[in-house]
Amino acid sequence: MIASRRFKLLYLVTEDWFFWSHRLPMARAARDAGFDVVVACRVRDHGERIRGEGFRLAPLSLRRGSRNPFFDLVALSEIIALYRRETPDIVHHVAMKPVIYGSLAAAISGAQAVVNALTGLGYLFLSDEIVTRILRLPLRWMFRLLLNRKGSWLLLQNDDDAKLLVSQGIVDSSHIVIIRGSGVDCRRFVPGPEAPGILIAVLASRMLWDKGVGELIAAARTLRDRGAPVRILLVGDPDSENPATIPIEQLEAWNREGIVEWRPRTDDVPAVLRGSHIAVLPSYREGLPKSLLEAAAAGLPIVASDVPGCREIARDGENAILVPVKDAEALADAIERLARDPDLRRRLGARGRELALASFTEEAVAAKTVALYRATLDQPPGESLSPSSGKM
């Protein structure tokens, strides 16, 4: 049984903005459940907000995009020192580099309960570049070594990622727990009447090639040539830390050409969705995209790639039209179909709202995550933890 003392939970993420946008509801729920919450990350714009929530902040030099062994060794040393100093009861690592470096630090420092969250398999699993394919070999070895340790659990967002990692012998299924997505605030993202004027199909995400932006540009050209009654809106910034980033010069060139309208990232995503009619994400692979959760909660019909992650919330014929990955022609057809059929838009949008309320609210996801934390603390040494164990 859990003792009455206050347990310490430490989040390791690369960026303060990512913690704020994707992990805040879980951390709040853990705080409200009595956990002492520490957030370790690179601090840029959200430090005071994080402290204002009552969390302790531990600034780190860890960078997602660094390939400099010296800088990465310094970052790893910082994490090891942090774990030895804080002696957390649970560490929760989020995304590829924190999972690897955090798990190494946990093994070295003796941290007993480790939750490793992969929100999709990312660039290293998607890219066919030679350098990336070479990097995948030691990555798989590291995963086998670190993710199957006693007291370590891998938190995934969809079944496809779990099946892939198990089938490749990377992670034993007894170490995997699935909680679908980061949740969505269904009080902030709400349906409204369709915005007047020309129909807008919006892609709101980081501007990365593997989000399918190139295919959406090709689809936009097709739609323009057909005279389809819809415009494409891109909302989001490039990500200089990601090798798949789209240069800002390219985004500005598309904007000048008039093929699409590009706007930088905004904190007021609900306003963007209120002014839009269709949500689009032709991604190559996802964990469970927050942008589609928000679109569903806002009652927008969805056009997305038929790939892992997207399928969790974008369900073909229910609230979405799914298209083959990297198929710009099919993407254009789906957007045009929705643009010309207001009844279909309303039906799919209404069903998306129902799905968001039924399974993907922030409160539901946060409660499941706190239950996972409590289960790790209750866990007898050597016993596996899984959804089928009855402890989740």
Protein backbone atom coordinates (compact mmCIF):
# COMPACT_ATOMS: atom_id res chain seq x y z
CA MET A 1 0.00 0.00 0.00
CA ILE A 2 1.09 3.61 -0.58
CA ALA A 3 2.25 5.31 2.60
CA SER A 4 0.87 8.68 3.66
CA ARG A 5 4.07 10.62 2.89
CA ARG A 6 4.19 12.88 -0.13
CA PHE A 7 5.74 11.22 -3.15
CA LYS A 8 7.98 13.07 -5.58
CA LEU A 9 7.26 12.93 -9.31
CA LEU A 10 9.83 14.31 -11.75
CA TYR A 11 9.00 15.08 -15.38
CA LEU A 12 11.88 15.14 -17.86
CA VAL A 13 11.02 16.86 -21.15
CA THR A 14 13.15 18.78 -23.61
CA GLU A 15 11.19 22.05 -23.83
CA ASP A 16 9.13 24.07 -21.38
CA TRP A 17 6.56 24.83 -24.11
CA PHE A 18 6.02 21.13 -24.75
CA PHE A 19 5.41 20.44 -21.07
CA TRP A 20 2.95 23.33 -20.97
CA SER A 21 1.03 22.25 -24.06
CA HIS A 22 1.04 18.45 -23.61
CA ARG A 23 1.68 17.48 -19.96
CA LEU A 24 0.15 20.24 -17.85
CA PRO A 25 -3.20 18.47 -17.15
CA MET A 26 -1.41 15.31 -15.95
CA ALA A 27 0.95 17.31 -13.74
CA ARG A 28 -1.94 19.29 -12.25
CA ALA A 29 -3.82 16.07 -11.50
CA ALA A 30 -0.73 14.59 -9.86
CA ARG A 31 -0.24 17.75 -7.78
CA ASP A 32 -3.88 17.67 -6.70
CA ALA A 33 -3.48 13.99 -5.79
CA GLY A 34 -0.68 14.92 -3.38
CA PHE A 35 2.47 14.46 -5.46
CA ASP A 36 5.40 16.87 -5.20
CA VAL A 37 5.98 17.72 -8.88
CA VAL A 38 9.35 18.69 -10.35
CA VAL A 39 9.68 19.71 -14.02
CA ALA A 40 13.13 19.34 -15.62
CA CYS A 41 13.51 20.90 -19.07
CA ARG A 42 15.15 23.62 -21.12
CA VAL A 43 13.55 26.85 -19.95
CA ARG A 44 12.70 29.47 -22.55
CA ASP A 45 9.26 31.12 -22.38
CA HIS A 46 7.15 29.20 -19.86
CA GLY A 47 9.27 29.09 -16.71
CA GLU A 48 7.16 31.49 -14.66
CA ARG A 49 3.93 29.81 -15.76
CA ILE A 50 5.26 26.42 -14.64
CA ARG A 51 6.37 27.81 -11.28
CA GLY A 52 3.00 29.53 -10.95
CA GLU A 53 1.33 26.11 -10.96
CA GLY A 54 3.22 25.19 -7.81
CA PHE A 55 5.71 22.94 -9.60
CA ARG A 56 9.43 23.16 -8.92
CA LEU A 57 11.46 23.90 -12.04
CA ALA A 58 14.87 22.37 -12.78
CA PRO A 59 16.47 24.07 -15.82
CA LEU A 60 18.57 21.82 -18.08
CA SER A 61 20.75 22.33 -21.16
CA LEU A 62 19.25 19.29 -22.93
CA ARG A 63 18.42 20.02 -26.58
CA ARG A 64 16.27 17.86 -28.85
CA GLY A 65 18.18 18.60 -32.02
CA SER A 66 21.74 18.40 -30.71
CA ARG A 67 24.04 15.87 -32.36
CA ASN A 68 27.12 17.13 -30.55
CA PRO A 69 28.42 14.31 -28.31
CA PHE A 70 30.06 16.77 -25.91
CA PHE A 71 26.88 18.80 -25.36
CA ASP A 72 24.83 15.63 -24.97
CA LEU A 73 27.31 14.20 -22.44
CA VAL A 74 27.04 17.42 -20.43
CA ALA A 75 23.24 17.17 -20.56
CA LEU A 76 23.32 13.53 -19.43
CA SER A 77 25.62 14.46 -16.54
CA GLU A 78 23.16 17.18 -15.51
CA ILE A 79 20.29 14.70 -15.50
CA ILE A 80 22.23 12.13 -13.45
CA ALA A 81 23.16 14.82 -10.92
CA LEU A 82 19.55 15.99 -10.78
CA TYR A 83 18.22 12.48 -10.11
CA ARG A 84 20.79 11.91 -7.36
CA ARG A 85 19.94 15.25 -5.77
CA GLU A 86 16.15 14.98 -6.01
CA THR A 87 15.81 11.20 -5.44
CA PRO A 88 12.36 11.13 -7.09
CA ASP A 89 9.95 8.28 -6.39
CA ILE A 90 8.82 8.33 -10.04
CA VAL A 91 10.45 9.78 -13.12
CA HIS A 92 8.32 10.41 -16.20
CA HIS A 93 10.33 10.84 -19.40
CA VAL A 94 8.58 12.28 -22.45
CA ALA A 95 9.82 11.83 -26.08
CA MET A 96 12.83 10.11 -27.59
CA LYS A 97 15.87 11.86 -26.13
CA PRO A 98 14.49 12.22 -22.57
CA VAL A 99 13.50 8.54 -22.65
CA ILE A 100 17.04 7.47 -23.56
CA TYR A 101 19.00 9.89 -21.39
CA GLY A 102 16.51 9.77 -18.55
CA SER A 103 16.51 5.97 -18.48
CA LEU A 104 20.31 5.95 -18.43
CA ALA A 105 20.28 8.44 -15.57
CA ALA A 106 17.66 6.40 -13.72
CA ALA A 107 19.76 3.24 -14.04
CA ILE A 108 22.90 5.02 -12.84
CA SER A 109 21.25 6.94 -10.00
CA GLY A 110 19.10 4.06 -8.80
CA ALA A 111 15.66 5.53 -9.55
CA GLN A 112 13.20 2.67 -9.12
CA ALA A 113 9.97 3.67 -10.91
CA VAL A 114 10.35 4.89 -14.50
CA VAL A 115 7.57 5.87 -16.91
CA ASN A 116 8.84 6.34 -20.48
CA ALA A 117 6.35 8.10 -22.74
CA LEU A 118 6.81 8.00 -26.50
CA THR A 119 4.27 10.22 -28.24
CA GLY A 120 4.82 8.54 -31.61
CA LEU A 121 7.92 6.94 -33.04
CA GLY A 122 9.25 10.14 -34.54
CA TYR A 123 11.80 11.13 -37.15
CA LEU A 124 14.30 8.40 -36.27
CA PHE A 125 11.72 5.72 -37.10
CA LEU A 126 10.19 7.50 -40.10
CA SER A 127 13.15 8.82 -42.09
CA ASP A 128 14.80 6.77 -44.84
CA GLU A 129 17.96 8.90 -44.84
CA ILE A 130 21.12 6.82 -44.61
CA VAL A 131 22.37 8.55 -41.46
CA THR A 132 19.04 8.02 -39.74
CA ARG A 133 18.87 4.36 -40.75
CA ILE A 134 22.35 3.87 -39.26
CA LEU A 135 21.28 5.61 -36.04
CA ARG A 136 18.28 3.26 -35.72
CA LEU A 137 20.57 0.28 -35.09
CA PRO A 138 22.08 1.54 -31.79
CA LEU A 139 18.73 3.09 -30.89
CA ARG A 140 17.01 -0.31 -31.00
CA TRP A 141 19.79 -1.80 -28.89
CA MET A 142 19.49 1.01 -26.34
CA PHE A 143 15.73 0.58 -26.18
CA ARG A 144 16.02 -3.17 -25.56
CA LEU A 145 18.49 -2.50 -22.76
CA LEU A 146 16.68 0.37 -21.07
CA LEU A 147 12.97 -0.12 -21.63
CA ASN A 148 12.80 -3.67 -20.29
CA ARG A 149 14.38 -2.90 -16.91
CA LYS A 150 12.55 -3.88 -13.76
CA GLY A 151 10.40 -0.97 -12.62
CA SER A 152 10.29 0.57 -16.11
CA TRP A 153 7.10 1.03 -18.12
CA LEU A 154 6.63 2.30 -21.64
CA LEU A 155 3.63 4.58 -22.05
CA LEU A 156 2.30 4.64 -25.63
CA GLN A 157 -0.66 6.37 -27.24
CA ASN A 158 -1.83 3.77 -29.75
CA ASP A 159 -1.89 0.01 -30.34
CA ASP A 160 0.06 0.17 -33.61
CA ASP A 161 3.19 1.53 -31.93
CA ALA A 162 2.94 -1.17 -29.27
CA LYS A 163 2.60 -3.94 -31.86
CA LEU A 164 5.56 -2.62 -33.86
CA LEU A 165 7.91 -2.42 -30.86
CA VAL A 166 6.86 -5.85 -29.58
CA SER A 167 7.08 -7.51 -33.02
CA GLN A 168 10.63 -6.20 -33.49
CA GLY A 169 11.66 -7.58 -30.12
CA ILE A 170 12.43 -4.12 -28.76
CA VAL A 171 10.06 -4.06 -25.76
CA ASP A 172 8.32 -6.88 -23.96
CA SER A 173 4.56 -6.42 -23.90
CA SER A 174 4.51 -6.71 -20.09
CA HIS A 175 6.27 -3.34 -19.90
CA ILE A 176 3.76 -1.48 -22.11
CA VAL A 177 0.82 0.62 -20.96
CA ILE A 178 -1.43 2.46 -23.44
CA ILE A 179 -3.15 5.74 -22.57
CA ARG A 180 -4.62 7.32 -25.66
CA GLY A 181 -3.36 10.85 -26.15
CA SER A 182 -2.74 13.90 -24.00
CA GLY A 183 -6.40 14.79 -23.70
CA VAL A 184 -8.31 17.87 -24.83
CA ASP A 185 -10.03 20.65 -22.90
CA CYS A 186 -13.62 20.21 -24.10
CA ARG A 187 -14.68 23.38 -22.29
CA ARG A 188 -12.22 25.49 -24.27
CA PHE A 189 -12.68 23.70 -27.58
CA VAL A 190 -16.40 23.78 -28.33
CA PRO A 191 -18.50 23.57 -31.51
CA GLY A 192 -20.09 26.68 -32.92
CA PRO A 193 -21.94 27.79 -36.03
CA GLU A 194 -20.00 27.52 -39.27
CA ALA A 195 -17.97 30.63 -39.98
CA PRO A 196 -19.33 32.69 -42.88
CA GLY A 197 -17.37 33.27 -46.04
CA ILE A 198 -15.05 31.04 -48.01
CA LEU A 199 -14.49 27.56 -46.61
CA ILE A 200 -11.17 27.03 -44.81
CA ALA A 201 -9.35 23.72 -44.41
CA VAL A 202 -6.74 24.16 -41.67
CA LEU A 203 -3.60 22.27 -40.73
CA ALA A 204 -2.50 23.40 -37.26
CA SER A 205 0.81 21.84 -36.26
CA ARG A 206 4.54 22.32 -36.34
CA MET A 207 5.61 22.92 -39.92
CA LEU A 208 7.35 19.61 -40.67
CA TRP A 209 7.56 17.67 -43.90
CA ASP A 210 6.49 14.47 -42.11
CA LYS A 211 3.23 16.16 -41.08
CA GLY A 212 2.35 15.87 -44.78
CA VAL A 213 2.69 19.58 -45.52
CA GLY A 214 4.25 18.90 -48.93
CA GLU A 215 1.33 16.70 -49.92
CA LEU A 216 -1.11 19.35 -48.69
CA ILE A 217 0.59 21.97 -50.86
CA ALA A 218 0.21 19.66 -53.88
CA ALA A 219 -3.45 19.10 -52.97
CA ALA A 220 -3.95 22.87 -52.67
CA ARG A 221 -2.67 23.33 -56.22
CA THR A 222 -5.08 20.65 -57.43
CA LEU A 223 -7.99 22.26 -55.61
CA ARG A 224 -7.13 25.65 -57.11
CA ASP A 225 -6.99 24.16 -60.61
CA ARG A 226 -10.39 22.52 -60.09
CA GLY A 227 -11.95 25.74 -58.81
CA ALA A 228 -12.94 24.02 -55.57
CA PRO A 229 -14.63 26.38 -53.07
CA VAL A 230 -12.01 26.03 -50.32
CA ARG A 231 -8.74 27.57 -49.20
CA ILE A 232 -5.91 25.92 -47.27
CA LEU A 233 -4.63 27.51 -44.07
CA LEU A 234 -1.37 26.47 -42.37
CA VAL A 235 -0.96 27.53 -38.73
CA GLY A 236 2.28 26.78 -36.94
CA ASP A 237 5.99 27.49 -36.76
CA PRO A 238 8.97 25.64 -38.19
CA ASP A 239 10.86 23.56 -35.62
CA SER A 240 14.58 24.20 -35.90
CA GLU A 241 15.32 21.30 -33.54
CA ASN A 242 13.69 18.78 -35.89
CA PRO A 243 15.51 17.61 -39.05
CA ALA A 244 12.18 17.49 -40.92
CA THR A 245 11.48 21.19 -40.40
CA ILE A 246 10.25 23.30 -43.30
CA PRO A 247 12.32 26.48 -43.71
CA ILE A 248 10.44 29.68 -42.97
CA GLU A 249 11.53 30.96 -46.38
CA GLN A 250 9.56 28.15 -48.01
CA LEU A 251 6.46 28.92 -45.95
CA GLU A 252 6.70 32.58 -46.86
CA ALA A 253 7.14 31.70 -50.55
CA TRP A 254 3.98 29.57 -50.54
CA ASN A 255 2.18 32.41 -48.81
CA ARG A 256 3.30 34.94 -51.42
CA GLU A 257 2.33 32.58 -54.23
CA GLY A 258 -1.18 32.38 -52.82
CA ILE A 259 -1.31 28.58 -52.87
CA VAL A 260 -1.94 28.53 -49.13
CA GLU A 261 -2.14 31.05 -46.32
CA TRP A 262 0.50 30.53 -43.63
CA ARG A 263 0.27 32.02 -40.16
CA PRO A 264 2.71 31.60 -37.27
CA ARG A 265 1.79 29.58 -34.21
CA THR A 266 -0.86 31.09 -31.93
CA ASP A 267 -1.99 30.36 -28.39
CA ASP A 268 -5.59 30.97 -29.44
CA VAL A 269 -6.17 27.74 -31.36
CA PRO A 270 -9.91 27.73 -30.52
CA ALA A 271 -10.26 30.98 -32.49
CA VAL A 272 -8.47 29.40 -35.47
CA LEU A 273 -10.84 26.44 -35.41
CA ARG A 274 -13.91 28.66 -35.04
CA GLY A 275 -12.89 30.36 -38.27
CA SER A 276 -12.27 27.08 -40.09
CA HIS A 277 -14.54 24.42 -41.56
CA ILE A 278 -12.32 21.34 -42.02
CA ALA A 279 -9.30 20.08 -40.06
CA VAL A 280 -6.51 18.42 -42.04
CA LEU A 281 -3.50 16.35 -40.97
CA PRO A 282 -1.90 14.23 -43.75
CA SER A 283 0.85 13.04 -41.39
CA TYR A 284 3.12 10.06 -42.05
CA ARG A 285 2.71 8.65 -38.51
CA GLU A 286 1.61 9.98 -35.12
CA GLY A 287 1.25 9.00 -31.50
CA LEU A 288 -2.17 10.59 -31.13
CA PRO A 289 -2.18 14.13 -32.52
CA LYS A 290 -3.41 16.82 -30.17
CA SER A 291 -4.40 18.98 -33.14
CA LEU A 292 -6.97 16.38 -34.24
CA LEU A 293 -8.28 15.97 -30.68
CA GLU A 294 -8.84 19.72 -30.56
CA ALA A 295 -10.52 19.71 -33.98
CA ALA A 296 -12.83 16.87 -32.94
CA ALA A 297 -13.77 18.64 -29.71
CA ALA A 298 -14.49 21.80 -31.72
CA GLY A 299 -16.86 19.85 -33.96
CA LEU A 300 -14.82 20.02 -37.17
CA PRO A 301 -14.83 17.20 -39.71
CA ILE A 302 -11.37 15.77 -40.27
CA VAL A 303 -9.30 14.72 -43.27
CA ALA A 304 -6.26 12.70 -42.20
CA SER A 305 -3.86 10.04 -43.35
CA ASP A 306 -4.83 6.45 -42.68
CA VAL A 307 -1.83 5.88 -40.39
CA PRO A 308 -1.15 4.91 -36.78
CA GLY A 309 -2.08 7.65 -34.36
CA CYS A 310 -4.43 9.52 -36.67
CA ARG A 311 -6.77 6.51 -36.75
CA GLU A 312 -7.24 6.74 -32.97
CA ILE A 313 -9.35 9.90 -33.23
CA ALA A 314 -9.98 10.26 -36.99
CA ARG A 315 -12.36 7.40 -37.75
CA ASP A 316 -13.21 6.91 -41.39
CA GLY A 317 -16.89 7.47 -42.10
CA GLU A 318 -17.64 8.47 -38.49
CA ASN A 319 -15.99 11.83 -37.96
CA ALA A 320 -13.35 11.81 -40.68
CA ILE A 321 -12.31 10.88 -44.17
CA LEU A 322 -9.06 8.92 -44.13
CA VAL A 323 -6.78 8.94 -47.18
CA PRO A 324 -3.68 6.92 -48.12
CA VAL A 325 -0.46 8.40 -46.78
CA LYS A 326 1.49 10.63 -49.20
CA ASP A 327 -1.42 10.63 -51.70
CA ALA A 328 -1.99 14.29 -52.62
CA GLU A 329 -4.73 13.47 -55.15
CA ALA A 330 -6.80 11.54 -52.61
CA LEU A 331 -6.21 14.33 -50.11
CA ALA A 332 -7.56 16.90 -52.57
CA ASP A 333 -10.59 14.69 -53.32
CA ALA A 334 -11.46 14.34 -49.62
CA ILE A 335 -11.14 18.06 -48.90
CA GLU A 336 -13.25 18.93 -51.95
CA ARG A 337 -15.90 16.38 -50.98
CA LEU A 338 -16.33 18.00 -47.59
CA ALA A 339 -16.17 21.49 -49.04
CA ARG A 340 -19.11 20.72 -51.33
CA ASP A 341 -21.25 18.83 -48.78
CA PRO A 342 -22.38 20.88 -45.74
CA ASP A 343 -24.54 18.04 -44.41
CA LEU A 344 -21.55 15.69 -44.37
CA ARG A 345 -19.48 18.32 -42.58
CA ARG A 346 -22.15 18.71 -39.90
CA ARG A 347 -22.59 14.97 -39.42
CA LEU A 348 -18.88 14.18 -39.15
CA GLY A 349 -18.25 17.21 -36.94
CA ALA A 350 -21.00 16.28 -34.49
CA ARG A 351 -19.66 12.74 -34.19
CA GLY A 352 -16.14 14.06 -33.55
CA ARG A 353 -17.43 16.06 -30.60
CA GLU A 354 -19.11 12.93 -29.22
CA LEU A 355 -15.87 10.94 -29.49
CA ALA A 356 -13.86 13.66 -27.77
CA LEU A 357 -16.30 13.83 -24.87
CA ALA A 358 -16.55 10.05 -24.54
CA SER A 359 -12.88 9.10 -24.50
CA PHE A 360 -10.40 11.94 -24.84
CA THR A 361 -11.07 14.65 -22.26
CA GLU A 362 -8.14 16.05 -20.29
CA GLU A 363 -9.77 14.86 -17.09
CA ALA A 364 -10.02 11.25 -18.29
CA VAL A 365 -6.44 11.10 -19.55
CA ALA A 366 -5.09 12.80 -16.41
CA ALA A 367 -6.96 10.36 -14.16
CA LYS A 368 -5.55 7.37 -16.05
CA THR A 369 -2.04 8.81 -15.81
CA VAL A 370 -2.28 9.38 -12.05
CA ALA A 371 -3.62 5.82 -11.71
CA LEU A 372 -0.48 4.64 -13.52
CA TYR A 373 1.72 6.58 -11.08
CA ARG A 374 -0.06 5.04 -8.12
CA ALA A 375 0.22 1.57 -9.65
CA THR A 376 3.98 1.95 -10.07
CA LEU A 377 4.30 2.84 -6.39
CA ASP A 378 2.14 -0.12 -5.33
CA GLN A 379 4.03 -2.52 -7.57
CA PRO A 380 5.84 -5.37 -5.82
CA PRO A 381 9.44 -5.83 -7.06
CA GLY A 382 9.64 -7.99 -10.15
CA GLU A 383 5.91 -8.03 -10.91
CA SER A 384 4.81 -6.78 -14.32
CA LEU A 385 2.42 -3.89 -14.72
CA SER A 386 0.01 -3.89 -17.66
CA PRO A 387 -3.59 -2.97 -18.37
CA SER A 388 -4.46 -6.66 -18.12
CA SER A 389 -2.92 -6.94 -14.64
CA GLY A 390 -5.99 -5.29 -13.13
CA LYS A 391 -3.93 -2.51 -11.54
CA MET A 392 -4.73 0.16 -14.11
